[in-house]
PDB file of N, CA and C in Angstrom:
ATOM      1  N   MET A   1       0.851  -1.184   0.000  1.00  0.00           N
ATOM      2  CA  MET A   1       0.000   0.000   0.000  1.00  0.00           C
ATOM      3  C   MET A   1       0.890   1.239   0.000  1.00  0.00           C
ATOM      4  N   HIS A   2       0.604   2.149  -0.900  1.00  0.00           N
ATOM      5  CA  HIS A   2       1.367   3.381  -0.983  1.00  0.00           C
ATOM      6  C   HIS A   2       0.781   4.403  -0.027  1.00  0.00           C
ATOM      7  N   GLU A   3       1.665   5.243   0.473  1.00  0.00           N
ATOM      8  CA  GLU A   3       1.241   6.302   1.382  1.00  0.00           C
ATOM      9  C   GLU A   3       1.809   7.638   0.921  1.00  0.00           C
ATOM     10  N   TYR A   4       1.142   8.684   1.349  1.00  0.00           N
ATOM     11  CA  TYR A   4       1.624  10.042   1.141  1.00  0.00           C
ATOM     12  C   TYR A   4       1.912  10.609   2.513  1.00  0.00           C
ATOM     13  N   GLU A   5       2.990  11.351   2.635  1.00  0.00           N
ATOM     14  CA  GLU A   5       3.285  11.974   3.923  1.00  0.00           C
ATOM     15  C   GLU A   5       3.524  13.463   3.745  1.00  0.00           C
ATOM     16  N   THR A   6       3.135  14.202   4.780  1.00  0.00           N
ATOM     17  CA  THR A   6       3.329  15.646   4.792  1.00  0.00           C
ATOM     18  C   THR A   6       3.593  16.103   6.212  1.00  0.00           C
ATOM     19  N   ARG A   7       4.297  17.200   6.338  1.00  0.00           N
ATOM     20  CA  ARG A   7       4.535  17.834   7.627  1.00  0.00           C
ATOM     21  C   ARG A   7       3.650  19.067   7.795  1.00  0.00           C
ATOM     22  N   ASP A   8       2.866  19.378   6.785  1.00  0.00           N
ATOM     23  CA  ASP A   8       2.045  20.584   6.758  1.00  0.00           C
ATOM     24  C   ASP A   8       0.695  20.331   7.435  1.00  0.00           C
ATOM     25  N   LEU A   9       0.480  20.944   8.592  1.00  0.00           N
ATOM     26  CA  LEU A   9      -0.761  20.751   9.348  1.00  0.00           C
ATOM     27  C   LEU A   9      -1.976  21.193   8.557  1.00  0.00           C
ATOM     28  N   ASN A  10      -1.876  22.297   7.835  1.00  0.00           N
ATOM     29  CA  ASN A  10      -3.027  22.792   7.083  1.00  0.00           C
ATOM     30  C   ASN A  10      -3.411  21.839   5.956  1.00  0.00           C
ATOM     31  N   LEU A  11      -2.424  21.314   5.242  1.00  0.00           N
ATOM     32  CA  LEU A  11      -2.701  20.334   4.195  1.00  0.00           C
ATOM     33  C   LEU A  11      -3.297  19.073   4.808  1.00  0.00           C
ATOM     34  N   ALA A  12      -2.722  18.616   5.905  1.00  0.00           N
ATOM     35  CA  ALA A  12      -3.232  17.417   6.573  1.00  0.00           C
ATOM     36  C   ALA A  12      -4.680  17.635   7.017  1.00  0.00           C
ATOM     37  N   SER A  13      -4.987  18.811   7.501  1.00  0.00           N
ATOM     38  CA  SER A  13      -6.358  19.124   7.918  1.00  0.00           C
ATOM     39  C   SER A  13      -7.310  19.086   6.732  1.00  0.00           C
ATOM     40  N   ALA A  14      -6.887  19.665   5.620  1.00  0.00           N
ATOM     41  CA  ALA A  14      -7.727  19.683   4.419  1.00  0.00           C
ATOM     42  C   ALA A  14      -7.963  18.267   3.900  1.00  0.00           C
ATOM     43  N   LEU A  15      -6.905  17.454   3.863  1.00  0.00           N
ATOM     44  CA  LEU A  15      -7.055  16.081   3.377  1.00  0.00           C
ATOM     45  C   LEU A  15      -7.968  15.280   4.295  1.00  0.00           C
ATOM     46  N   SER A  16      -7.792  15.454   5.593  1.00  0.00           N
ATOM     47  CA  SER A  16      -8.642  14.774   6.558  1.00  0.00           C
ATOM     48  C   SER A  16     -10.098  15.209   6.393  1.00  0.00           C
ATOM     49  N   CYS A  17     -10.306  16.474   6.185  1.00  0.00           N
ATOM     50  CA  CYS A  17     -11.639  17.039   5.990  1.00  0.00           C
ATOM     51  C   CYS A  17     -12.321  16.407   4.779  1.00  0.00           C
ATOM     52  N   LEU A  18     -11.543  16.082   3.763  1.00  0.00           N
ATOM     53  CA  LEU A  18     -12.092  15.506   2.537  1.00  0.00           C
ATOM     54  C   LEU A  18     -12.210  13.986   2.594  1.00  0.00           C
ATOM     55  N   GLY A  19     -11.873  13.408   3.745  1.00  0.00           N
ATOM     56  CA  GLY A  19     -12.083  11.975   3.923  1.00  0.00           C
ATOM     57  C   GLY A  19     -10.888  11.089   3.683  1.00  0.00           C
ATOM     58  N   TYR A  20      -9.729  11.666   3.416  1.00  0.00           N
ATOM     59  CA  TYR A  20      -8.531  10.846   3.255  1.00  0.00           C
ATOM     60  C   TYR A  20      -8.093  10.368   4.641  1.00  0.00           C
ATOM     61  N   ARG A  21      -7.742   9.098   4.721  1.00  0.00           N
ATOM     62  CA  ARG A  21      -7.476   8.461   6.017  1.00  0.00           C
ATOM     63  C   ARG A  21      -6.021   8.620   6.439  1.00  0.00           C
ATOM     64  N   ILE A  22      -5.829   9.120   7.660  1.00  0.00           N
ATOM     65  CA  ILE A  22      -4.493   9.207   8.257  1.00  0.00           C
ATOM     66  C   ILE A  22      -4.149   7.816   8.784  1.00  0.00           C
ATOM     67  N   THR A  23      -3.022   7.288   8.320  1.00  0.00           N
ATOM     68  CA  THR A  23      -2.619   5.945   8.742  1.00  0.00           C
ATOM     69  C   THR A  23      -1.626   5.979   9.894  1.00  0.00           C
ATOM     70  N   ALA A  24      -0.908   7.094  10.051  1.00  0.00           N
ATOM     71  CA  ALA A  24       0.078   7.174  11.132  1.00  0.00           C
ATOM     72  C   ALA A  24       0.501   8.619  11.347  1.00  0.00           C
ATOM     73  N   LEU A  25       0.949   8.870  12.565  1.00  0.00           N
ATOM     74  CA  LEU A  25       1.607  10.125  12.930  1.00  0.00           C
ATOM     75  C   LEU A  25       2.972   9.743  13.463  1.00  0.00           C
ATOM     76  N   GLU A  26       4.003  10.463  13.040  1.00  0.00           N
ATOM     77  CA  GLU A  26       5.328  10.180  13.589  1.00  0.00           C
ATOM     78  C   GLU A  26       6.093  11.480  13.770  1.00  0.00           C
ATOM     79  N   ARG A  27       6.991  11.467  14.714  1.00  0.00           N
ATOM     80  CA  ARG A  27       7.837  12.635  14.963  1.00  0.00           C
ATOM     81  C   ARG A  27       8.927  12.727  13.910  1.00  0.00           C
ATOM     82  N   SER A  28       9.220  13.928  13.489  1.00  0.00           N
ATOM     83  CA  SER A  28      10.312  14.166  12.556  1.00  0.00           C
ATOM     84  C   SER A  28      11.632  13.906  13.271  1.00  0.00           C
ATOM     85  N   GLU A  29      12.524  13.197  12.615  1.00  0.00           N
ATOM     86  CA  GLU A  29      13.834  12.936  13.218  1.00  0.00           C
ATOM     87  C   GLU A  29      14.655  14.214  13.334  1.00  0.00           C
ATOM     88  N   ASN A  30      14.472  15.134  12.382  1.00  0.00           N
ATOM     89  CA  ASN A  30      15.236  16.385  12.384  1.00  0.00           C
ATOM     90  C   ASN A  30      14.747  17.378  13.421  1.00  0.00           C
ATOM     91  N   ASP A  31      13.452  17.347  13.702  1.00  0.00           N
ATOM     92  CA  ASP A  31      12.863  18.285  14.651  1.00  0.00           C
ATOM     93  C   ASP A  31      11.744  17.576  15.390  1.00  0.00           C
ATOM     94  N   PRO A  32      11.996  17.075  16.598  1.00  0.00           N
ATOM     95  CA  PRO A  32      10.989  16.292  17.324  1.00  0.00           C
ATOM     96  C   PRO A  32       9.708  17.053  17.659  1.00  0.00           C
ATOM     97  N   ARG A  33       9.710  18.373  17.483  1.00  0.00           N
ATOM     98  CA  ARG A  33       8.497  19.153  17.722  1.00  0.00           C
ATOM     99  C   ARG A  33       7.547  19.069  16.532  1.00  0.00           C
ATOM    100  N   ARG A  34       8.053  18.636  15.392  1.00  0.00           N
ATOM    101  CA  ARG A  34       7.234  18.546  14.175  1.00  0.00           C
ATOM    102  C   ARG A  34       6.771  17.118  13.956  1.00  0.00           C
ATOM    103  N   MET A  35       5.561  16.994  13.452  1.00  0.00           N
ATOM    104  CA  MET A  35       4.986  15.683  13.183  1.00  0.00           C
ATOM    105  C   MET A  35       4.868  15.464  11.680  1.00  0.00           C
ATOM    106  N   ILE A  36       4.907  14.198  11.316  1.00  0.00           N
ATOM    107  CA  ILE A  36       4.697  13.798   9.929  1.00  0.00           C
ATOM    108  C   ILE A  36       3.359  13.056   9.886  1.00  0.00           C
ATOM    109  N   PHE A  37       2.491  13.491   8.994  1.00  0.00           N
ATOM    110  CA  PHE A  37       1.185  12.877   8.815  1.00  0.00           C
ATOM    111  C   PHE A  37       1.281  11.915   7.635  1.00  0.00           C
ATOM    112  N   HIS A  38       0.891  10.671   7.846  1.00  0.00           N
ATOM    113  CA  HIS A  38       0.891   9.664   6.780  1.00  0.00           C
ATOM    114  C   HIS A  38      -0.551   9.424   6.361  1.00  0.00           C
ATOM    115  N   PHE A  39      -0.802   9.485   5.055  1.00  0.00           N
ATOM    116  CA  PHE A  39      -2.136   9.272   4.506  1.00  0.00           C
ATOM    117  C   PHE A  39      -2.139   8.066   3.585  1.00  0.00           C
ATOM    118  N   GLU A  40      -3.233   7.321   3.646  1.00  0.00           N
ATOM    119  CA  GLU A  40      -3.449   6.240   2.697  1.00  0.00           C
ATOM    120  C   GLU A  40      -3.639   6.871   1.323  1.00  0.00           C
ATOM    121  N   MET A  41      -3.004   6.271   0.318  1.00  0.00           N
ATOM    122  CA  MET A  41      -3.084   6.814  -1.034  1.00  0.00           C
ATOM    123  C   MET A  41      -4.446   6.485  -1.632  1.00  0.00           C
ATOM    124  N   GLY A  42      -5.395   7.399  -1.480  1.00  0.00           N
ATOM    125  CA  GLY A  42      -6.750   7.200  -1.980  1.00  0.00           C
ATOM    126  C   GLY A  42      -6.915   7.766  -3.377  1.00  0.00           C
ATOM    127  N   GLN A  43      -8.045   7.430  -3.968  1.00  0.00           N
ATOM    128  CA  GLN A  43      -8.353   7.903  -5.314  1.00  0.00           C
ATOM    129  C   GLN A  43      -8.403   9.426  -5.338  1.00  0.00           C
ATOM    130  N   GLY A  44      -7.709  10.019  -6.279  1.00  0.00           N
ATOM    131  CA  GLY A  44      -7.728  11.468  -6.450  1.00  0.00           C
ATOM    132  C   GLY A  44      -6.810  12.241  -5.526  1.00  0.00           C
ATOM    133  N   LEU A  45      -6.044  11.540  -4.695  1.00  0.00           N
ATOM    134  CA  LEU A  45      -5.192  12.252  -3.733  1.00  0.00           C
ATOM    135  C   LEU A  45      -4.178  13.176  -4.411  1.00  0.00           C
ATOM    136  N   PRO A  46      -3.441  12.727  -5.428  1.00  0.00           N
ATOM    137  CA  PRO A  46      -2.469  13.647  -6.054  1.00  0.00           C
ATOM    138  C   PRO A  46      -3.122  14.919  -6.610  1.00  0.00           C
ATOM    139  N   GLU A  47      -4.297  14.769  -7.212  1.00  0.00           N
ATOM    140  CA  GLU A  47      -5.001  15.933  -7.754  1.00  0.00           C
ATOM    141  C   GLU A  47      -5.474  16.857  -6.638  1.00  0.00           C
ATOM    142  N   THR A  48      -5.902  16.273  -5.532  1.00  0.00           N
ATOM    143  CA  THR A  48      -6.360  17.073  -4.394  1.00  0.00           C
ATOM    144  C   THR A  48      -5.198  17.864  -3.805  1.00  0.00           C
ATOM    145  N   ILE A  49      -4.042  17.221  -3.676  1.00  0.00           N
ATOM    146  CA  ILE A  49      -2.852  17.902  -3.152  1.00  0.00           C
ATOM    147  C   ILE A  49      -2.446  19.046  -4.080  1.00  0.00           C
ATOM    148  N   ALA A  50      -2.464  18.783  -5.382  1.00  0.00           N
ATOM    149  CA  ALA A  50      -2.112  19.824  -6.355  1.00  0.00           C
ATOM    150  C   ALA A  50      -3.081  20.997  -6.257  1.00  0.00           C
ATOM    151  N   ALA A  51      -4.375  20.703  -6.110  1.00  0.00           N
ATOM    152  CA  ALA A  51      -5.376  21.770  -5.985  1.00  0.00           C
ATOM    153  C   ALA A  51      -5.157  22.576  -4.711  1.00  0.00           C
ATOM    154  N   TYR A  52      -4.721  21.912  -3.639  1.00  0.00           N
ATOM    155  CA  TYR A  52      -4.417  22.628  -2.390  1.00  0.00           C
ATOM    156  C   TYR A  52      -3.288  23.634  -2.626  1.00  0.00           C
ATOM    157  N   TRP A  53      -2.198  23.176  -3.242  1.00  0.00           N
ATOM    158  CA  TRP A  53      -1.023  24.032  -3.411  1.00  0.00           C
ATOM    159  C   TRP A  53      -1.247  25.170  -4.415  1.00  0.00           C
ATOM    160  N   THR A  54      -2.174  24.984  -5.353  1.00  0.00           N
ATOM    161  CA  THR A  54      -2.458  26.061  -6.311  1.00  0.00           C
ATOM    162  C   THR A  54      -3.559  26.997  -5.818  1.00  0.00           C
ATOM    163  N   GLY A  55      -4.163  26.672  -4.680  1.00  0.00           N
ATOM    164  CA  GLY A  55      -5.219  27.515  -4.136  1.00  0.00           C
ATOM    165  C   GLY A  55      -6.585  27.243  -4.730  1.00  0.00           C
ATOM    166  N   GLU A  56      -6.716  26.154  -5.489  1.00  0.00           N
ATOM    167  CA  GLU A  56      -7.980  25.837  -6.140  1.00  0.00           C
ATOM    168  C   GLU A  56      -8.878  24.922  -5.305  1.00  0.00           C
ATOM    169  N   LEU A  57      -8.362  24.355  -4.226  1.00  0.00           N
ATOM    170  CA  LEU A  57      -9.128  23.418  -3.411  1.00  0.00           C
ATOM    171  C   LEU A  57     -10.181  24.171  -2.604  1.00  0.00           C
ATOM    172  N   LYS A  58     -11.402  23.697  -2.645  1.00  0.00           N
ATOM    173  CA  LYS A  58     -12.503  24.328  -1.914  1.00  0.00           C
ATOM    174  C   LYS A  58     -13.006  23.370  -0.842  1.00  0.00           C
ATOM    175  N   VAL A  59     -12.980  23.822   0.398  1.00  0.00           N
ATOM    176  CA  VAL A  59     -13.530  23.059   1.522  1.00  0.00           C
ATOM    177  C   VAL A  59     -14.267  24.040   2.435  1.00  0.00           C
ATOM    178  N   SER A  60     -15.201  23.512   3.180  1.00  0.00           N
ATOM    179  CA  SER A  60     -15.941  24.323   4.133  1.00  0.00           C
ATOM    180  C   SER A  60     -14.993  24.786   5.242  1.00  0.00           C
ATOM    181  N   ALA A  61     -15.020  26.066   5.544  1.00  0.00           N
ATOM    182  CA  ALA A  61     -14.163  26.604   6.605  1.00  0.00           C
ATOM    183  C   ALA A  61     -14.472  25.943   7.941  1.00  0.00           C
ATOM    184  N   LEU A  62     -15.745  25.723   8.223  1.00  0.00           N
ATOM    185  CA  LEU A  62     -16.134  25.080   9.477  1.00  0.00           C
ATOM    186  C   LEU A  62     -15.567  23.666   9.567  1.00  0.00           C
ATOM    187  N   HIS A  63     -15.685  22.894   8.488  1.00  0.00           N
ATOM    188  CA  HIS A  63     -15.149  21.528   8.489  1.00  0.00           C
ATOM    189  C   HIS A  63     -13.623  21.533   8.593  1.00  0.00           C
ATOM    190  N   LEU A  64     -12.981  22.455   7.879  1.00  0.00           N
ATOM    191  CA  LEU A  64     -11.527  22.529   7.917  1.00  0.00           C
ATOM    192  C   LEU A  64     -11.038  22.818   9.337  1.00  0.00           C
ATOM    193  N   LEU A  65     -11.637  23.792   9.986  1.00  0.00           N
ATOM    194  CA  LEU A  65     -11.202  24.154  11.339  1.00  0.00           C
ATOM    195  C   LEU A  65     -11.516  23.051  12.340  1.00  0.00           C
ATOM    196  N   THR A  66     -12.631  22.358  12.143  1.00  0.00           N
ATOM    197  CA  THR A  66     -12.972  21.234  13.018  1.00  0.00           C
ATOM    198  C   THR A  66     -11.935  20.125  12.881  1.00  0.00           C
ATOM    199  N   HIS A  67     -11.558  19.796  11.652  1.00  0.00           N
ATOM    200  CA  HIS A  67     -10.556  18.741  11.439  1.00  0.00           C
ATOM    201  C   HIS A  67      -9.184  19.172  11.941  1.00  0.00           C
ATOM    202  N   GLN A  68      -8.865  20.460  11.809  1.00  0.00           N
ATOM    203  CA  GLN A  68      -7.593  20.938  12.336  1.00  0.00           C
ATOM    204  C   GLN A  68      -7.563  20.803  13.855  1.00  0.00           C
ATOM    205  N   LYS A  69      -8.658  21.127  14.501  1.00  0.00           N
ATOM    206  CA  LYS A  69      -8.746  20.991  15.960  1.00  0.00           C
ATOM    207  C   LYS A  69      -8.582  19.524  16.368  1.00  0.00           C
ATOM    208  N   LEU A  70      -9.232  18.616  15.648  1.00  0.00           N
ATOM    209  CA  LEU A  70      -9.115  17.188  15.948  1.00  0.00           C
ATOM    210  C   LEU A  70      -7.678  16.691  15.752  1.00  0.00           C
ATOM    211  N   LEU A  71      -7.033  17.164  14.696  1.00  0.00           N
ATOM    212  CA  LEU A  71      -5.634  16.770  14.470  1.00  0.00           C
ATOM    213  C   LEU A  71      -4.731  17.289  15.581  1.00  0.00           C
ATOM    214  N   LYS A  72      -4.950  18.510  16.002  1.00  0.00           N
ATOM    215  CA  LYS A  72      -4.145  19.059  17.093  1.00  0.00           C
ATOM    216  C   LYS A  72      -4.348  18.263  18.378  1.00  0.00           C
ATOM    217  N   GLN A  73      -5.585  17.827  18.623  1.00  0.00           N
ATOM    218  CA  GLN A  73      -5.820  16.986  19.807  1.00  0.00           C
ATOM    219  C   GLN A  73      -5.026  15.690  19.719  1.00  0.00           C
ATOM    220  N   ARG A  74      -4.985  15.092  18.519  1.00  0.00           N
ATOM    221  CA  ARG A  74      -4.199  13.866  18.325  1.00  0.00           C
ATOM    222  C   ARG A  74      -2.707  14.136  18.535  1.00  0.00           C
ATOM    223  N   LEU A  75      -2.253  15.297  18.072  1.00  0.00           N
ATOM    224  CA  LEU A  75      -0.835  15.650  18.231  1.00  0.00           C
ATOM    225  C   LEU A  75      -0.471  15.794  19.700  1.00  0.00           C
ATOM    226  N   TYR A  76      -1.319  16.486  20.435  1.00  0.00           N
ATOM    227  CA  TYR A  76      -1.049  16.689  21.855  1.00  0.00           C
ATOM    228  C   TYR A  76      -1.113  15.353  22.604  1.00  0.00           C
ATOM    229  N   ALA A  77      -2.027  14.492  22.219  1.00  0.00           N
ATOM    230  CA  ALA A  77      -2.128  13.174  22.841  1.00  0.00           C
ATOM    231  C   ALA A  77      -0.890  12.328  22.531  1.00  0.00           C
ATOM    232  N   ALA A  78      -0.382  12.457  21.317  1.00  0.00           N
ATOM    233  CA  ALA A  78       0.821  11.710  20.913  1.00  0.00           C
ATOM    234  C   ALA A  78       2.060  12.268  21.595  1.00  0.00           C
ATOM    235  N   HIS A  79       1.989  13.546  21.991  1.00  0.00           N
ATOM    236  CA  HIS A  79       3.146  14.200  22.632  1.00  0.00           C
ATOM    237  C   HIS A  79       3.304  13.759  24.071  1.00  0.00           C
ATOM    238  N   ASP A  80       2.223  13.393  24.719  1.00  0.00           N
ATOM    239  CA  ASP A  80       2.259  13.021  26.155  1.00  0.00           C
ATOM    240  C   ASP A  80       2.920  11.677  26.382  1.00  0.00           C
TER     241      ASP A  80
END
């Protein structure tokens, strides 16, 4: 199974909001304060990532902020 990984919390929040499944969280070896988000390679993921980086991706602000809050809770739980 192929995975995509990112260190960008905002991208991870957007992908999570759109239903892409996070398979793992891991600490960066270079900076233990930063996390790496691993996503299952789902249908359309490369196009979704490209749309995010070009500013063309549209998601509900409420859903995006909710998913970002949930991800931060997971990060803090993983930090303890």
